[in-house]
């Protein structure tokens, strides 16, 4: 199932995204989460918490789902 994530800015970082979607509670948890789970952004593995996500980007998180970034 795909979930649309609406942002007000031009982009959101992967770390901000994980906190925004309540997948992680804090920046420290984001770092641990990224070391334990495979995350694909537009089909490519990426675990950089500073990675910028733009509208139309697709984020796939193992065991969590697929998210599509949309501009609000």
PDB file of N, CA and C in Angstrom:
ATOM      1  N   UNK A   1       0.833  -1.178   0.000  1.00  0.00           N
ATOM      2  CA  UNK A   1       0.000   0.000   0.000  1.00  0.00           C
ATOM      3  C   UNK A   1       0.886   1.252   0.000  1.00  0.00           C
ATOM      4  N   UNK A   2       0.523   2.211  -0.772  1.00  0.00           N
ATOM      5  CA  UNK A   2       1.279   3.460  -0.860  1.00  0.00           C
ATOM      6  C   UNK A   2       0.620   4.534  -0.004  1.00  0.00           C
ATOM      7  N   UNK A   3       1.452   5.321   0.663  1.00  0.00           N
ATOM      8  CA  UNK A   3       0.982   6.424   1.483  1.00  0.00           C
ATOM      9  C   UNK A   3       1.533   7.716   0.910  1.00  0.00           C
ATOM     10  N   UNK A   4       0.680   8.696   0.701  1.00  0.00           N
ATOM     11  CA  UNK A   4       1.143   9.990   0.216  1.00  0.00           C
ATOM     12  C   UNK A   4       1.515  10.857   1.413  1.00  0.00           C
ATOM     13  N   UNK A   5       2.676  11.507   1.306  1.00  0.00           N
ATOM     14  CA  UNK A   5       3.178  12.372   2.365  1.00  0.00           C
ATOM     15  C   UNK A   5       3.252  13.781   1.792  1.00  0.00           C
ATOM     16  N   UNK A   6       2.483  14.690   2.371  1.00  0.00           N
ATOM     17  CA  UNK A   6       2.409  16.061   1.859  1.00  0.00           C
ATOM     18  C   UNK A   6       3.365  16.965   2.629  1.00  0.00           C
ATOM     19  N   UNK A   7       4.206  17.703   1.879  1.00  0.00           N
ATOM     20  CA  UNK A   7       5.146  18.630   2.496  1.00  0.00           C
ATOM     21  C   UNK A   7       4.843  20.050   2.009  1.00  0.00           C
ATOM     22  N   UNK A   8       5.186  21.042   2.836  1.00  0.00           N
ATOM     23  CA  UNK A   8       4.957  22.443   2.491  1.00  0.00           C
ATOM     24  C   UNK A   8       6.177  23.089   1.854  1.00  0.00           C
ATOM     25  N   UNK A   9       7.342  22.484   2.009  1.00  0.00           N
ATOM     26  CA  UNK A   9       8.583  23.061   1.502  1.00  0.00           C
ATOM     27  C   UNK A   9       8.986  22.384   0.189  1.00  0.00           C
ATOM     28  N   UNK A  10      10.105  22.824  -0.371  1.00  0.00           N
ATOM     29  CA  UNK A  10      10.576  22.245  -1.628  1.00  0.00           C
ATOM     30  C   UNK A  10      11.080  20.821  -1.448  1.00  0.00           C
ATOM     31  N   UNK A  11      11.593  20.506  -0.248  1.00  0.00           N
ATOM     32  CA  UNK A  11      12.100  19.160   0.030  1.00  0.00           C
ATOM     33  C   UNK A  11      12.034  18.891   1.523  1.00  0.00           C
ATOM     34  N   UNK A  12      12.245  17.631   1.891  1.00  0.00           N
ATOM     35  CA  UNK A  12      12.350  17.210   3.283  1.00  0.00           C
ATOM     36  C   UNK A  12      13.497  16.211   3.330  1.00  0.00           C
ATOM     37  N   UNK A  13      14.298  16.244   4.389  1.00  0.00           N
ATOM     38  CA  UNK A  13      15.391  15.284   4.476  1.00  0.00           C
ATOM     39  C   UNK A  13      14.837  13.933   4.934  1.00  0.00           C
ATOM     40  N   UNK A  14      15.593  12.892   4.676  1.00  0.00           N
ATOM     41  CA  UNK A  14      15.158  11.555   5.068  1.00  0.00           C
ATOM     42  C   UNK A  14      14.958  11.479   6.580  1.00  0.00           C
ATOM     43  N   UNK A  15      15.863  12.078   7.348  1.00  0.00           N
ATOM     44  CA  UNK A  15      15.714  12.081   8.802  1.00  0.00           C
ATOM     45  C   UNK A  15      14.450  12.799   9.252  1.00  0.00           C
ATOM     46  N   UNK A  16      14.166  13.953   8.658  1.00  0.00           N
ATOM     47  CA  UNK A  16      12.941  14.686   8.983  1.00  0.00           C
ATOM     48  C   UNK A  16      11.710  13.879   8.602  1.00  0.00           C
ATOM     49  N   UNK A  17      11.789  13.220   7.446  1.00  0.00           N
ATOM     50  CA  UNK A  17      10.678  12.396   6.965  1.00  0.00           C
ATOM     51  C   UNK A  17      10.355  11.292   7.969  1.00  0.00           C
ATOM     52  N   UNK A  18      11.386  10.603   8.462  1.00  0.00           N
ATOM     53  CA  UNK A  18      11.166   9.501   9.399  1.00  0.00           C
ATOM     54  C   UNK A  18      10.525   9.987  10.699  1.00  0.00           C
ATOM     55  N   UNK A  19      10.875  11.183  11.145  1.00  0.00           N
ATOM     56  CA  UNK A  19      10.253  11.757  12.344  1.00  0.00           C
ATOM     57  C   UNK A  19       8.840  12.253  12.026  1.00  0.00           C
ATOM     58  N   UNK A  20       8.653  12.874  10.865  1.00  0.00           N
ATOM     59  CA  UNK A  20       7.357  13.397  10.442  1.00  0.00           C
ATOM     60  C   UNK A  20       6.307  12.284  10.354  1.00  0.00           C
ATOM     61  N   UNK A  21       6.726  11.118   9.883  1.00  0.00           N
ATOM     62  CA  UNK A  21       5.809   9.980   9.738  1.00  0.00           C
ATOM     63  C   UNK A  21       5.728   9.130  11.007  1.00  0.00           C
ATOM     64  N   UNK A  22       6.340   9.603  12.090  1.00  0.00           N
ATOM     65  CA  UNK A  22       6.338   8.897  13.377  1.00  0.00           C
ATOM     66  C   UNK A  22       6.929   7.493  13.299  1.00  0.00           C
ATOM     67  N   UNK A  23       7.874   7.316  12.390  1.00  0.00           N
ATOM     68  CA  UNK A  23       8.601   6.052  12.319  1.00  0.00           C
ATOM     69  C   UNK A  23       9.701   6.073  13.372  1.00  0.00           C
ATOM     70  N   UNK A  24      10.286   7.239  13.593  1.00  0.00           N
ATOM     71  CA  UNK A  24      11.301   7.451  14.625  1.00  0.00           C
ATOM     72  C   UNK A  24      10.896   8.655  15.468  1.00  0.00           C
ATOM     73  N   UNK A  25      11.280   8.620  16.757  1.00  0.00           N
ATOM     74  CA  UNK A  25      10.909   9.708  17.656  1.00  0.00           C
ATOM     75  C   UNK A  25      11.949  10.813  17.729  1.00  0.00           C
ATOM     76  N   UNK A  26      13.218  10.478  17.462  1.00  0.00           N
ATOM     77  CA  UNK A  26      14.274  11.475  17.616  1.00  0.00           C
ATOM     78  C   UNK A  26      15.372  11.255  16.580  1.00  0.00           C
ATOM     79  N   UNK A  27      16.269  12.241  16.489  1.00  0.00           N
ATOM     80  CA  UNK A  27      17.381  12.131  15.566  1.00  0.00           C
ATOM     81  C   UNK A  27      18.291  10.957  15.890  1.00  0.00           C
ATOM     82  N   UNK A  28      18.472  10.671  17.170  1.00  0.00           N
ATOM     83  CA  UNK A  28      19.283   9.520  17.577  1.00  0.00           C
ATOM     84  C   UNK A  28      18.665   8.213  17.125  1.00  0.00           C
ATOM     85  N   UNK A  29      17.347   8.131  17.226  1.00  0.00           N
ATOM     86  CA  UNK A  29      16.653   6.921  16.773  1.00  0.00           C
ATOM     87  C   UNK A  29      16.744   6.780  15.259  1.00  0.00           C
ATOM     88  N   UNK A  30      16.758   7.910  14.539  1.00  0.00           N
ATOM     89  CA  UNK A  30      16.875   7.882  13.081  1.00  0.00           C
ATOM     90  C   UNK A  30      18.190   7.216  12.687  1.00  0.00           C
ATOM     91  N   UNK A  31      19.272   7.593  13.350  1.00  0.00           N
ATOM     92  CA  UNK A  31      20.591   7.034  13.037  1.00  0.00           C
ATOM     93  C   UNK A  31      20.595   5.517  13.217  1.00  0.00           C
ATOM     94  N   UNK A  32      20.029   5.048  14.316  1.00  0.00           N
ATOM     95  CA  UNK A  32      19.949   3.605  14.572  1.00  0.00           C
ATOM     96  C   UNK A  32      19.046   2.928  13.553  1.00  0.00           C
ATOM     97  N   UNK A  33      17.903   3.539  13.289  1.00  0.00           N
ATOM     98  CA  UNK A  33      16.943   2.981  12.329  1.00  0.00           C
ATOM     99  C   UNK A  33      17.590   2.791  10.959  1.00  0.00           C
ATOM    100  N   UNK A  34      18.331   3.799  10.504  1.00  0.00           N
ATOM    101  CA  UNK A  34      18.957   3.729   9.185  1.00  0.00           C
ATOM    102  C   UNK A  34      20.031   2.654   9.104  1.00  0.00           C
ATOM    103  N   UNK A  35      20.611   2.287  10.231  1.00  0.00           N
ATOM    104  CA  UNK A  35      21.621   1.224  10.216  1.00  0.00           C
ATOM    105  C   UNK A  35      20.986  -0.163  10.233  1.00  0.00           C
ATOM    106  N   UNK A  36      19.706  -0.241  10.617  1.00  0.00           N
ATOM    107  CA  UNK A  36      19.047  -1.541  10.757  1.00  0.00           C
ATOM    108  C   UNK A  36      18.065  -1.885   9.636  1.00  0.00           C
ATOM    109  N   UNK A  37      17.570  -0.887   8.920  1.00  0.00           N
ATOM    110  CA  UNK A  37      16.563  -1.130   7.892  1.00  0.00           C
ATOM    111  C   UNK A  37      17.061  -0.690   6.526  1.00  0.00           C
ATOM    112  N   UNK A  38      16.626  -1.430   5.505  1.00  0.00           N
ATOM    113  CA  UNK A  38      16.945  -1.042   4.128  1.00  0.00           C
ATOM    114  C   UNK A  38      15.902  -0.052   3.649  1.00  0.00           C
ATOM    115  N   UNK A  39      16.382   1.065   3.118  1.00  0.00           N
ATOM    116  CA  UNK A  39      15.492   2.093   2.586  1.00  0.00           C
ATOM    117  C   UNK A  39      15.864   2.331   1.138  1.00  0.00           C
ATOM    118  N   UNK A  40      14.865   2.292   0.278  1.00  0.00           N
ATOM    119  CA  UNK A  40      15.078   2.591  -1.137  1.00  0.00           C
ATOM    120  C   UNK A  40      14.398   3.908  -1.464  1.00  0.00           C
ATOM    121  N   UNK A  41      15.139   4.766  -2.151  1.00  0.00           N
ATOM    122  CA  UNK A  41      14.582   6.023  -2.630  1.00  0.00           C
ATOM    123  C   UNK A  41      14.630   5.971  -4.141  1.00  0.00           C
ATOM    124  N   UNK A  42      13.466   5.991  -4.756  1.00  0.00           N
ATOM    125  CA  UNK A  42      13.342   5.846  -6.212  1.00  0.00           C
ATOM    126  C   UNK A  42      14.054   4.587  -6.705  1.00  0.00           C
ATOM    127  N   UNK A  43      13.931   3.512  -5.932  1.00  0.00           N
ATOM    128  CA  UNK A  43      14.464   2.218  -6.339  1.00  0.00           C
ATOM    129  C   UNK A  43      15.923   1.963  -5.990  1.00  0.00           C
ATOM    130  N   UNK A  44      16.612   2.939  -5.398  1.00  0.00           N
ATOM    131  CA  UNK A  44      18.021   2.773  -5.058  1.00  0.00           C
ATOM    132  C   UNK A  44      18.210   2.834  -3.548  1.00  0.00           C
ATOM    133  N   UNK A  45      19.032   1.923  -3.016  1.00  0.00           N
ATOM    134  CA  UNK A  45      19.305   1.922  -1.585  1.00  0.00           C
ATOM    135  C   UNK A  45      19.980   3.216  -1.164  1.00  0.00           C
ATOM    136  N   UNK A  46      19.533   3.767  -0.056  1.00  0.00           N
ATOM    137  CA  UNK A  46      20.126   5.006   0.461  1.00  0.00           C
ATOM    138  C   UNK A  46      19.828   5.098   1.952  1.00  0.00           C
ATOM    139  N   UNK A  47      20.851   5.310   2.759  1.00  0.00           N
ATOM    140  CA  UNK A  47      20.643   5.403   4.207  1.00  0.00           C
ATOM    141  C   UNK A  47      21.194   6.699   4.790  1.00  0.00           C
ATOM    142  N   UNK A  48      21.318   7.738   3.953  1.00  0.00           N
ATOM    143  CA  UNK A  48      21.816   9.034   4.423  1.00  0.00           C
ATOM    144  C   UNK A  48      20.654   9.835   4.998  1.00  0.00           C
ATOM    145  N   UNK A  49      20.740  10.179   6.272  1.00  0.00           N
ATOM    146  CA  UNK A  49      19.606  10.893   6.877  1.00  0.00           C
ATOM    147  C   UNK A  49      19.460  12.308   6.342  1.00  0.00           C
ATOM    148  N   UNK A  50      20.509  12.853   5.736  1.00  0.00           N
ATOM    149  CA  UNK A  50      20.440  14.180   5.140  1.00  0.00           C
ATOM    150  C   UNK A  50      19.996  14.169   3.689  1.00  0.00           C
ATOM    151  N   UNK A  51      19.701  12.991   3.143  1.00  0.00           N
ATOM    152  CA  UNK A  51      19.256  12.875   1.752  1.00  0.00           C
ATOM    153  C   UNK A  51      17.983  13.690   1.560  1.00  0.00           C
ATOM    154  N   UNK A  52      17.993  14.554   0.554  1.00  0.00           N
ATOM    155  CA  UNK A  52      16.826  15.406   0.289  1.00  0.00           C
ATOM    156  C   UNK A  52      15.785  14.638  -0.518  1.00  0.00           C
ATOM    157  N   UNK A  53      14.560  14.681  -0.049  1.00  0.00           N
ATOM    158  CA  UNK A  53      13.435  14.050  -0.730  1.00  0.00           C
ATOM    159  C   UNK A  53      12.573  15.149  -1.332  1.00  0.00           C
ATOM    160  N   UNK A  54      12.312  15.030  -2.615  1.00  0.00           N
ATOM    161  CA  UNK A  54      11.546  16.032  -3.354  1.00  0.00           C
ATOM    162  C   UNK A  54      10.183  15.462  -3.751  1.00  0.00           C
ATOM    163  N   UNK A  55       9.228  16.330  -4.094  1.00  0.00           N
ATOM    164  CA  UNK A  55       7.937  15.825  -4.570  1.00  0.00           C
ATOM    165  C   UNK A  55       8.120  14.820  -5.708  1.00  0.00           C
ATOM    166  N   UNK A  56       7.332  13.799  -5.673  1.00  0.00           N
ATOM    167  CA  UNK A  56       7.317  12.666  -6.614  1.00  0.00           C
ATOM    168  C   UNK A  56       8.354  11.596  -6.279  1.00  0.00           C
ATOM    169  N   UNK A  57       9.215  11.829  -5.262  1.00  0.00           N
ATOM    170  CA  UNK A  57      10.138  10.780  -4.836  1.00  0.00           C
ATOM    171  C   UNK A  57       9.352   9.668  -4.164  1.00  0.00           C
ATOM    172  N   UNK A  58       9.816   8.440  -4.342  1.00  0.00           N
ATOM    173  CA  UNK A  58       9.180   7.268  -3.747  1.00  0.00           C
ATOM    174  C   UNK A  58      10.149   6.664  -2.739  1.00  0.00           C
ATOM    175  N   UNK A  59       9.687   6.528  -1.502  1.00  0.00           N
ATOM    176  CA  UNK A  59      10.499   5.980  -0.421  1.00  0.00           C
ATOM    177  C   UNK A  59       9.910   4.628  -0.031  1.00  0.00           C
ATOM    178  N   UNK A  60      10.723   3.582  -0.126  1.00  0.00           N
ATOM    179  CA  UNK A  60      10.292   2.243   0.255  1.00  0.00           C
ATOM    180  C   UNK A  60      11.082   1.829   1.484  1.00  0.00           C
ATOM    181  N   UNK A  61      10.369   1.492   2.556  1.00  0.00           N
ATOM    182  CA  UNK A  61      11.021   1.085   3.790  1.00  0.00           C
ATOM    183  C   UNK A  61      10.589  -0.341   4.108  1.00  0.00           C
ATOM    184  N   UNK A  62      11.575  -1.207   4.195  1.00  0.00           N
ATOM    185  CA  UNK A  62      11.334  -2.608   4.494  1.00  0.00           C
ATOM    186  C   UNK A  62      10.497  -2.736   5.769  1.00  0.00           C
ATOM    187  N   UNK A  63       9.430  -3.503   5.721  1.00  0.00           N
ATOM    188  CA  UNK A  63       8.516  -3.763   6.838  1.00  0.00           C
ATOM    189  C   UNK A  63       7.621  -2.578   7.225  1.00  0.00           C
ATOM    190  N   UNK A  64       7.730  -1.433   6.531  1.00  0.00           N
ATOM    191  CA  UNK A  64       6.914  -0.269   6.870  1.00  0.00           C
ATOM    192  C   UNK A  64       6.001   0.167   5.729  1.00  0.00           C
ATOM    193  N   UNK A  65       6.472   0.079   4.479  1.00  0.00           N
ATOM    194  CA  UNK A  65       5.619   0.449   3.367  1.00  0.00           C
ATOM    195  C   UNK A  65       6.288   1.360   2.360  1.00  0.00           C
ATOM    196  N   UNK A  66       5.454   1.878   1.470  1.00  0.00           N
ATOM    197  CA  UNK A  66       5.902   2.743   0.383  1.00  0.00           C
ATOM    198  C   UNK A  66       5.255   4.111   0.582  1.00  0.00           C
ATOM    199  N   UNK A  67       6.072   5.149   0.471  1.00  0.00           N
ATOM    200  CA  UNK A  67       5.610   6.518   0.680  1.00  0.00           C
ATOM    201  C   UNK A  67       5.950   7.353  -0.550  1.00  0.00           C
ATOM    202  N   UNK A  68       5.018   8.195  -0.965  1.00  0.00           N
ATOM    203  CA  UNK A  68       5.230   9.086  -2.098  1.00  0.00           C
ATOM    204  C   UNK A  68       5.183  10.525  -1.577  1.00  0.00           C
ATOM    205  N   UNK A  69       6.252  11.261  -1.849  1.00  0.00           N
ATOM    206  CA  UNK A  69       6.336  12.647  -1.398  1.00  0.00           C
ATOM    207  C   UNK A  69       5.533  13.516  -2.364  1.00  0.00           C
ATOM    208  N   UNK A  70       4.671  14.353  -1.813  1.00  0.00           N
ATOM    209  CA  UNK A  70       3.844  15.253  -2.617  1.00  0.00           C
ATOM    210  C   UNK A  70       3.954  16.664  -2.054  1.00  0.00           C
ATOM    211  N   UNK A  71       3.905  17.648  -2.927  1.00  0.00           N
ATOM    212  CA  UNK A  71       3.903  19.067  -2.510  1.00  0.00           C
ATOM    213  C   UNK A  71       2.473  19.463  -2.173  1.00  0.00           C
ATOM    214  N   UNK A  72       2.288  20.113  -1.050  1.00  0.00           N
ATOM    215  CA  UNK A  72       0.945  20.519  -0.618  1.00  0.00           C
ATOM    216  C   UNK A  72       0.564  21.845  -1.227  1.00  0.00           C
TER     217      UNK A  72
END
